[in-house]
């Protein structure tokens, strides 16, 4: 598929054509990448390079939009008990996975399982020397002692925080301000706040300003794609055209104005795809399990199709085969219209765990986020302003 990208390049409006069948865009137009680019593009390595440890659904909050809602505090088989650790590591050693670079702990709320995490860390460090760790937390259980442990063991800490207390009933920035500032001081750029964007908050400026006011100008925030609808019965995330445009423009403009604050972890990957042609045969989803480079494990030795949303095993460590664990990951796009969509190589048809109706309800929100990231990528790569992207018209 080819696309016509209308850009403002050196003060002149031009239309560039690129896509899956074109040469790398730098060859097409004889232009160099923007020397101000903050990151180098890279081709991601193949194979399993990271593990996600799914500890269980237990959580100390009950957010209204959580896609694990209904599982919290359930007696699920995946329980992060320290008693399960010895047998888990026996199974892991027998599988002889090599090349593991990072390990992320997931819940529920992973800090609910802190004792288990602390006991697992030295075993992982012995098995995979130099490995990095990460945790996705709501931040409410952070203490200085936990932060000190994270610093000593090469952790990245991702704190999920909307910036406002409305949806969660807990004002994290106000009530845990000292601990969050201590986290930033100790971990530096290994601290990242992940702000959830919901309907009615497409303009991220108020949330960004509150983060800066409460935590200082060094705060790093990732504004991801809007909360996804899980089914057709969840219309609250059904974005209209003006809403996704507002989000795309707000994300892009704030990134230009506050590049030290607005962080886009997937930007490097998007730039790589633009430079080296868009992948033609894309599977659904942008997460590690969907890409095939991440293995989700429970302490029961089972593998899972999702690092956060599914408690149903998809296999075991003994029978796992890379990139073919779940047929739904290879199911292609949800609808025919995805095939001609200019942001499909960023969105990749959304989460594989979302049904067709839920995907349709979430489409415009994901479109807005994806378009904002594409505009960032073109700005960094070629120092151009993207005006529009449309399917290529044959002359």
Protein backbone atom coordinates (compact mmCIF):
# COMPACT_ATOMS: atom_id res chain seq x y z
CA UNK A 1 0.00 0.00 0.00
CA UNK A 2 1.28 3.46 -0.93
CA UNK A 3 0.35 6.71 0.80
CA UNK A 4 0.53 10.36 -0.17
CA UNK A 5 1.88 12.45 2.70
CA UNK A 6 1.29 16.17 2.38
CA UNK A 7 4.06 17.96 4.27
CA UNK A 8 5.41 21.43 4.87
CA UNK A 9 9.09 21.10 3.93
CA UNK A 10 11.36 24.16 4.17
CA UNK A 11 8.36 26.44 3.92
CA UNK A 12 6.98 24.73 0.84
CA UNK A 13 3.96 22.41 0.72
CA UNK A 14 4.89 19.12 -0.97
CA UNK A 15 3.39 15.67 -1.40
CA UNK A 16 5.64 12.68 -0.78
CA UNK A 17 4.69 9.11 -1.61
CA UNK A 18 5.84 6.22 0.53
CA UNK A 19 4.68 2.83 1.75
CA UNK A 20 5.26 -0.89 1.70
CA UNK A 21 6.32 -1.08 -1.93
CA UNK A 22 8.50 2.01 -2.03
CA UNK A 23 12.20 2.32 -1.44
CA UNK A 24 13.38 3.71 1.86
CA UNK A 25 12.13 7.27 1.91
CA UNK A 26 15.62 8.76 2.17
CA UNK A 27 16.43 7.08 -1.15
CA UNK A 28 13.21 8.30 -2.78
CA UNK A 29 13.70 11.96 -2.05
CA UNK A 30 17.43 12.27 -1.55
CA UNK A 31 17.02 13.97 1.80
CA UNK A 32 18.92 13.46 5.00
CA UNK A 33 17.46 12.76 8.36
CA UNK A 34 16.98 15.73 10.63
CA UNK A 35 20.29 16.27 12.52
CA UNK A 36 18.27 17.27 15.59
CA UNK A 37 16.82 13.77 15.92
CA UNK A 38 17.04 12.78 19.58
CA UNK A 39 17.24 9.04 19.00
CA UNK A 40 18.76 6.72 16.45
CA UNK A 41 16.43 4.33 14.66
CA UNK A 42 17.16 0.66 14.99
CA UNK A 43 15.96 -2.64 13.66
CA UNK A 44 14.57 -4.68 16.56
CA UNK A 45 16.26 -8.03 17.19
CA UNK A 46 14.38 -11.30 16.71
CA UNK A 47 13.46 -13.92 19.26
CA UNK A 48 12.52 -13.70 22.93
CA UNK A 49 14.41 -10.86 24.58
CA UNK A 50 12.16 -10.07 27.54
CA UNK A 51 9.93 -11.73 30.13
CA UNK A 52 6.72 -10.45 31.69
CA UNK A 53 6.02 -12.01 35.08
CA UNK A 54 2.27 -12.05 35.71
CA UNK A 55 1.85 -12.17 39.48
CA UNK A 56 -1.93 -12.07 39.76
CA UNK A 57 -4.95 -9.76 39.57
CA UNK A 58 -4.90 -8.49 43.15
CA UNK A 59 -5.00 -4.70 43.31
CA UNK A 60 -5.59 -2.13 46.04
CA UNK A 61 -7.53 0.20 43.72
CA UNK A 62 -10.70 -0.26 41.68
CA UNK A 63 -10.44 2.11 38.71
CA UNK A 64 -13.66 2.40 36.74
CA UNK A 65 -11.98 1.94 33.35
CA UNK A 66 -9.61 -0.91 34.24
CA UNK A 67 -9.62 -3.69 31.62
CA UNK A 68 -8.99 -6.20 34.41
CA UNK A 69 -12.19 -5.14 36.14
CA UNK A 70 -14.01 -8.22 37.37
CA UNK A 71 -10.77 -10.12 38.01
CA UNK A 72 -9.50 -8.05 40.94
CA UNK A 73 -9.19 -9.95 44.19
CA UNK A 74 -10.44 -13.09 42.48
CA UNK A 75 -9.04 -16.46 43.53
CA UNK A 76 -7.18 -16.85 40.27
CA UNK A 77 -4.66 -19.66 39.90
CA UNK A 78 -1.94 -17.14 39.05
CA UNK A 79 -0.96 -16.07 42.56
CA UNK A 80 2.40 -14.52 43.31
CA UNK A 81 3.21 -16.61 46.35
CA UNK A 82 6.87 -17.02 47.40
CA UNK A 83 6.12 -20.74 47.84
CA UNK A 84 5.88 -21.09 44.06
CA UNK A 85 9.32 -19.61 43.37
CA UNK A 86 11.61 -22.69 43.62
CA UNK A 87 9.55 -24.81 41.21
CA UNK A 88 9.13 -21.84 38.85
CA UNK A 89 12.88 -21.36 38.52
CA UNK A 90 13.45 -25.06 38.00
CA UNK A 91 11.09 -24.93 35.03
CA UNK A 92 12.68 -21.72 33.75
CA UNK A 93 16.20 -23.14 33.92
CA UNK A 94 15.08 -26.28 32.09
CA UNK A 95 13.68 -24.14 29.26
CA UNK A 96 17.15 -22.59 28.79
CA UNK A 97 16.01 -19.25 27.40
CA UNK A 98 18.97 -17.14 26.34
CA UNK A 99 19.25 -13.50 25.39
CA UNK A 100 16.86 -12.22 28.08
CA UNK A 101 17.56 -8.52 28.52
CA UNK A 102 14.67 -7.31 30.65
CA UNK A 103 12.02 -8.62 33.05
CA UNK A 104 8.84 -6.73 33.92
CA UNK A 105 6.55 -7.47 36.87
CA UNK A 106 2.81 -7.12 36.28
CA UNK A 107 -0.40 -7.42 38.25
CA UNK A 108 -3.01 -6.37 39.22
CA UNK A 109 -0.79 -4.17 41.29
CA UNK A 110 2.69 -5.74 41.40
CA UNK A 111 3.72 -4.01 44.63
CA UNK A 112 1.00 -6.02 46.39
CA UNK A 113 3.37 -8.93 45.68
CA UNK A 114 6.50 -7.10 46.86
CA UNK A 115 7.78 -9.94 49.05
CA UNK A 116 7.65 -12.28 46.06
CA UNK A 117 9.45 -9.78 43.82
CA UNK A 118 12.25 -9.26 46.35
CA UNK A 119 12.81 -13.01 46.62
CA UNK A 120 12.86 -13.50 42.85
CA UNK A 121 15.33 -10.74 41.95
CA UNK A 122 18.62 -12.44 43.00
CA UNK A 123 17.56 -15.65 41.25
CA UNK A 124 16.89 -13.75 38.02
CA UNK A 125 20.20 -11.89 38.34
CA UNK A 126 22.04 -15.19 38.68
CA UNK A 127 20.22 -16.73 35.72
CA UNK A 128 20.48 -13.69 33.43
CA UNK A 129 23.52 -11.55 34.37
CA UNK A 130 23.06 -7.87 33.58
CA UNK A 131 19.29 -8.17 33.22
CA UNK A 132 17.18 -5.04 33.74
CA UNK A 133 13.93 -5.00 35.71
CA UNK A 134 10.74 -2.97 35.49
CA UNK A 135 7.44 -2.71 37.30
CA UNK A 136 4.14 -1.15 36.24
CA UNK A 137 2.58 0.25 39.42
CA UNK A 138 -0.21 2.59 40.46
CA UNK A 139 2.31 4.15 42.87
CA UNK A 140 0.12 4.04 45.98
CA UNK A 141 2.33 1.48 47.77
CA UNK A 142 5.67 3.13 46.99
CA UNK A 143 8.01 3.75 49.92
CA UNK A 144 11.58 5.01 50.09
CA UNK A 145 12.75 1.50 51.03
CA UNK A 146 11.17 0.05 47.90
CA UNK A 147 12.74 2.80 45.79
CA UNK A 148 16.17 2.06 47.29
CA UNK A 149 15.76 -1.61 46.38
CA UNK A 150 14.77 -0.69 42.83
CA UNK A 151 17.82 1.53 42.46
CA UNK A 152 20.13 -1.20 43.74
CA UNK A 153 18.74 -3.74 41.25
CA UNK A 154 18.58 -1.78 37.99
CA UNK A 155 14.81 -1.16 37.92
CA UNK A 156 12.73 1.06 35.73
CA UNK A 157 9.54 2.12 37.48
CA UNK A 158 6.50 2.98 35.37
CA UNK A 159 3.84 4.73 37.42
CA UNK A 160 0.30 4.72 36.04
CA UNK A 161 -1.22 8.07 36.93
CA UNK A 162 -3.85 10.12 35.11
CA UNK A 163 -2.76 13.42 36.64
CA UNK A 164 -6.23 13.93 38.16
CA UNK A 165 -8.01 11.87 40.85
CA UNK A 166 -11.49 11.82 39.26
CA UNK A 167 -11.49 8.33 37.79
CA UNK A 168 -9.47 6.62 40.53
CA UNK A 169 -10.69 8.32 43.66
CA UNK A 170 -7.07 8.75 44.77
CA UNK A 171 -4.97 11.84 44.15
CA UNK A 172 -1.57 10.21 43.73
CA UNK A 173 0.32 13.42 42.94
CA UNK A 174 -0.99 15.06 46.12
CA UNK A 175 -0.91 12.14 48.56
CA UNK A 176 2.33 10.44 47.42
CA UNK A 177 4.23 13.51 46.24
CA UNK A 178 7.32 13.02 48.48
CA UNK A 179 7.70 9.36 47.52
CA UNK A 180 7.28 10.15 43.81
CA UNK A 181 9.88 12.90 43.97
CA UNK A 182 12.25 10.53 45.77
CA UNK A 183 11.63 7.96 43.04
CA UNK A 184 12.55 10.51 40.37
CA UNK A 185 15.66 11.58 42.28
CA UNK A 186 16.93 8.03 42.71
CA UNK A 187 16.00 6.44 39.37
CA UNK A 188 16.28 9.50 37.15
CA UNK A 189 15.17 8.77 33.59
CA UNK A 190 14.26 5.23 34.64
CA UNK A 191 11.09 6.76 36.12
CA UNK A 192 8.18 7.18 33.72
CA UNK A 193 4.62 8.26 34.50
CA UNK A 194 2.03 6.74 32.19
CA UNK A 195 -1.03 8.94 31.92
CA UNK A 196 -4.31 7.40 30.87
CA UNK A 197 -6.25 9.52 28.39
CA UNK A 198 -10.02 9.25 28.60
CA UNK A 199 -12.96 10.75 26.79
CA UNK A 200 -13.27 14.45 27.57
CA UNK A 201 -9.52 14.79 28.19
CA UNK A 202 -8.29 14.77 24.62
CA UNK A 203 -6.34 17.98 25.32
CA UNK A 204 -3.47 16.75 27.47
CA UNK A 205 -2.32 20.25 28.45
CA UNK A 206 -4.13 20.47 31.84
CA UNK A 207 -2.81 17.08 32.98
CA UNK A 208 0.71 17.91 31.76
CA UNK A 209 0.69 21.24 33.61
CA UNK A 210 -0.44 19.56 36.83
CA UNK A 211 2.34 16.98 36.58
CA UNK A 212 4.88 19.79 36.14
CA UNK A 213 3.40 21.81 39.01
CA UNK A 214 3.26 18.92 41.48
CA UNK A 215 6.49 17.06 40.58
CA UNK A 216 8.67 19.65 38.87
CA UNK A 217 9.96 20.31 35.37
CA UNK A 218 11.95 17.07 35.18
CA UNK A 219 8.90 14.79 35.24
CA UNK A 220 8.66 12.35 32.32
CA UNK A 221 5.16 11.38 31.16
CA UNK A 222 3.99 8.98 28.49
CA UNK A 223 0.57 9.82 27.07
CA UNK A 224 -0.58 6.62 25.41
CA UNK A 225 -3.53 5.71 23.24
CA UNK A 226 -6.90 6.45 24.88
CA UNK A 227 -8.65 3.95 27.11
CA UNK A 228 -9.95 1.21 24.88
CA UNK A 229 -13.50 -0.07 24.82
CA UNK A 230 -13.71 -3.79 25.45
CA UNK A 231 -17.03 -4.39 23.68
CA UNK A 232 -19.89 -2.68 21.85
CA UNK A 233 -21.60 -2.29 25.25
CA UNK A 234 -18.89 0.18 26.27
CA UNK A 235 -19.60 3.28 24.17
CA UNK A 236 -17.78 5.68 26.49
CA UNK A 237 -14.60 5.49 24.42
CA UNK A 238 -16.21 5.89 21.02
CA UNK A 239 -14.33 8.95 19.80
CA UNK A 240 -15.61 11.22 17.05
CA UNK A 241 -13.49 12.91 14.38
CA UNK A 242 -13.02 16.20 16.24
CA UNK A 243 -11.96 14.40 19.43
CA UNK A 244 -9.21 12.35 17.80
CA UNK A 245 -7.97 15.44 15.96
CA UNK A 246 -7.82 17.31 19.27
CA UNK A 247 -5.78 14.53 20.85
CA UNK A 248 -3.38 14.16 17.89
CA UNK A 249 -2.73 17.91 17.78
CA UNK A 250 -2.45 18.30 21.56
CA UNK A 251 -0.02 15.41 21.84
CA UNK A 252 2.13 16.73 19.00
CA UNK A 253 2.12 20.38 20.08
CA UNK A 254 2.95 19.60 23.72
CA UNK A 255 5.74 17.26 22.58
CA UNK A 256 7.22 20.13 20.55
CA UNK A 257 6.92 22.55 23.48
CA UNK A 258 7.89 20.19 26.32
CA UNK A 259 10.09 17.46 24.76
CA UNK A 260 11.70 16.73 28.12
CA UNK A 261 8.28 15.96 29.65
CA UNK A 262 6.24 14.27 26.88
CA UNK A 263 7.85 10.90 26.28
CA UNK A 264 6.78 8.54 23.49
CA UNK A 265 8.45 5.12 24.01
CA UNK A 266 7.23 3.77 20.65
CA UNK A 267 8.58 6.71 18.66
CA UNK A 268 11.86 5.00 17.81
CA UNK A 269 10.03 1.95 16.48
CA UNK A 270 7.78 4.12 14.31
CA UNK A 271 10.77 5.96 12.88
CA UNK A 272 12.41 2.66 12.06
CA UNK A 273 9.36 1.49 10.12
CA UNK A 274 9.18 4.74 8.16
CA UNK A 275 12.84 4.58 7.19
CA UNK A 276 12.96 0.86 6.37
CA UNK A 277 9.52 0.52 4.71
CA UNK A 278 6.31 -0.31 6.52
CA UNK A 279 5.88 -4.00 7.24
CA UNK A 280 3.37 -5.57 4.87
CA UNK A 281 2.30 -8.62 6.88
CA UNK A 282 1.60 -7.17 10.29
CA UNK A 283 0.04 -9.19 13.08
CA UNK A 284 -2.38 -7.54 15.47
CA UNK A 285 -1.18 -5.62 18.46
CA UNK A 286 1.89 -3.61 19.44
CA UNK A 287 2.72 -5.26 22.77
CA UNK A 288 5.59 -7.70 23.29
CA UNK A 289 3.49 -10.89 23.17
CA UNK A 290 1.93 -9.76 19.89
CA UNK A 291 5.33 -8.87 18.41
CA UNK A 292 6.72 -12.22 19.50
CA UNK A 293 9.74 -10.91 21.42
CA UNK A 294 8.19 -11.13 24.90
CA UNK A 295 7.12 -14.20 26.88
CA UNK A 296 4.44 -13.83 29.57
CA UNK A 297 4.87 -16.25 32.47
CA UNK A 298 2.94 -17.01 35.62
CA UNK A 299 4.65 -18.50 38.66
CA UNK A 300 2.67 -21.64 37.93
CA UNK A 301 4.90 -22.21 34.88
CA UNK A 302 2.13 -21.43 32.41
CA UNK A 303 2.47 -18.99 29.53
CA UNK A 304 -0.19 -16.35 28.93
CA UNK A 305 -1.33 -14.46 25.87
CA UNK A 306 -1.47 -11.11 27.68
CA UNK A 307 0.74 -9.52 30.30
CA UNK A 308 -2.19 -7.89 32.02
CA UNK A 309 -5.64 -8.75 30.81
CA UNK A 310 -6.12 -12.51 30.59
CA UNK A 311 -5.94 -15.17 33.25
CA UNK A 312 -6.36 -18.04 30.78
CA UNK A 313 -3.14 -20.01 30.09
CA UNK A 314 -2.14 -20.35 26.45
CA UNK A 315 0.57 -22.94 27.01
CA UNK A 316 3.37 -23.94 29.33
CA UNK A 317 7.08 -23.34 29.51
CA UNK A 318 7.63 -26.92 28.42
CA UNK A 319 5.67 -26.66 25.16
CA UNK A 320 6.12 -22.99 24.31
CA UNK A 321 7.34 -22.22 20.79
CA UNK A 322 8.38 -18.69 19.89
CA UNK A 323 5.92 -16.55 17.91
CA UNK A 324 3.30 -19.28 17.53
CA UNK A 325 1.82 -19.49 21.01
CA UNK A 326 -1.59 -18.13 20.08
CA UNK A 327 -3.40 -18.32 16.79
CA UNK A 328 -5.14 -15.00 17.41
CA UNK A 329 -1.82 -13.17 17.25
CA UNK A 330 -1.56 -14.22 13.62
CA UNK A 331 -5.19 -13.49 12.78
CA UNK A 332 -4.43 -10.38 10.72
CA UNK A 333 -6.49 -7.22 10.80
CA UNK A 334 -9.90 -6.89 12.36
CA UNK A 335 -11.61 -5.27 9.39
CA UNK A 336 -10.94 -4.72 5.73
CA UNK A 337 -10.70 -0.96 6.21
CA UNK A 338 -7.57 -1.43 8.32
CA UNK A 339 -5.64 -2.51 5.25
CA UNK A 340 -5.83 0.96 3.71
CA UNK A 341 -5.48 2.92 6.94
CA UNK A 342 -2.45 5.27 6.98
CA UNK A 343 -1.74 4.60 10.67
CA UNK A 344 -2.05 0.81 10.56
CA UNK A 345 1.67 0.26 11.03
CA UNK A 346 1.45 2.13 14.34
CA UNK A 347 -1.96 1.00 15.60
CA UNK A 348 -1.71 -2.54 14.14
CA UNK A 349 -5.47 -2.98 14.57
CA UNK A 350 -5.42 -2.60 18.32
CA UNK A 351 -5.27 -5.13 21.11
CA UNK A 352 -5.82 -8.77 20.04
CA UNK A 353 -7.78 -9.30 23.26
CA UNK A 354 -10.45 -6.81 22.13
CA UNK A 355 -13.36 -8.14 20.11
CA UNK A 356 -14.44 -6.65 16.79
CA UNK A 357 -17.14 -4.44 18.29
CA UNK A 358 -14.80 -3.17 20.99
CA UNK A 359 -12.16 -2.40 18.39
CA UNK A 360 -14.62 -0.41 16.30
CA UNK A 361 -15.61 1.62 19.38
CA UNK A 362 -11.96 2.38 20.17
CA UNK A 363 -10.74 2.98 16.63
CA UNK A 364 -10.88 6.78 16.51
CA UNK A 365 -9.08 7.15 19.82
CA UNK A 366 -6.23 4.92 18.66
CA UNK A 367 -6.21 6.75 15.33
CA UNK A 368 -5.65 10.07 17.09
CA UNK A 369 -2.76 8.77 19.17
CA UNK A 370 -1.18 7.03 16.18
CA UNK A 371 -1.44 10.13 13.99
CA UNK A 372 0.17 12.23 16.71
CA UNK A 373 3.12 9.82 16.94
CA UNK A 374 3.50 9.73 13.13
CA UNK A 375 3.68 13.52 13.06
CA UNK A 376 6.43 13.38 15.72
CA UNK A 377 8.37 10.76 13.75
CA UNK A 378 8.31 12.76 10.51
CA UNK A 379 9.33 15.90 12.38
CA UNK A 380 12.33 14.19 13.97
CA UNK A 381 13.39 12.33 10.84
CA UNK A 382 12.94 14.99 8.17
CA UNK A 383 12.11 18.23 10.00
CA UNK A 384 8.76 18.51 8.23
CA UNK A 385 5.22 19.24 9.38
CA UNK A 386 2.75 16.53 8.33
CA UNK A 387 -0.48 18.07 7.04
CA UNK A 388 -2.34 14.94 5.94
CA UNK A 389 -1.85 11.28 4.97
CA UNK A 390 -4.11 9.68 2.37
CA UNK A 391 -4.01 6.55 0.17
CA UNK A 392 -1.93 7.13 -2.95
CA UNK A 393 -3.87 8.14 -6.03
CA UNK A 394 -2.63 6.55 -9.22
CA UNK A 395 -2.28 8.96 -12.10
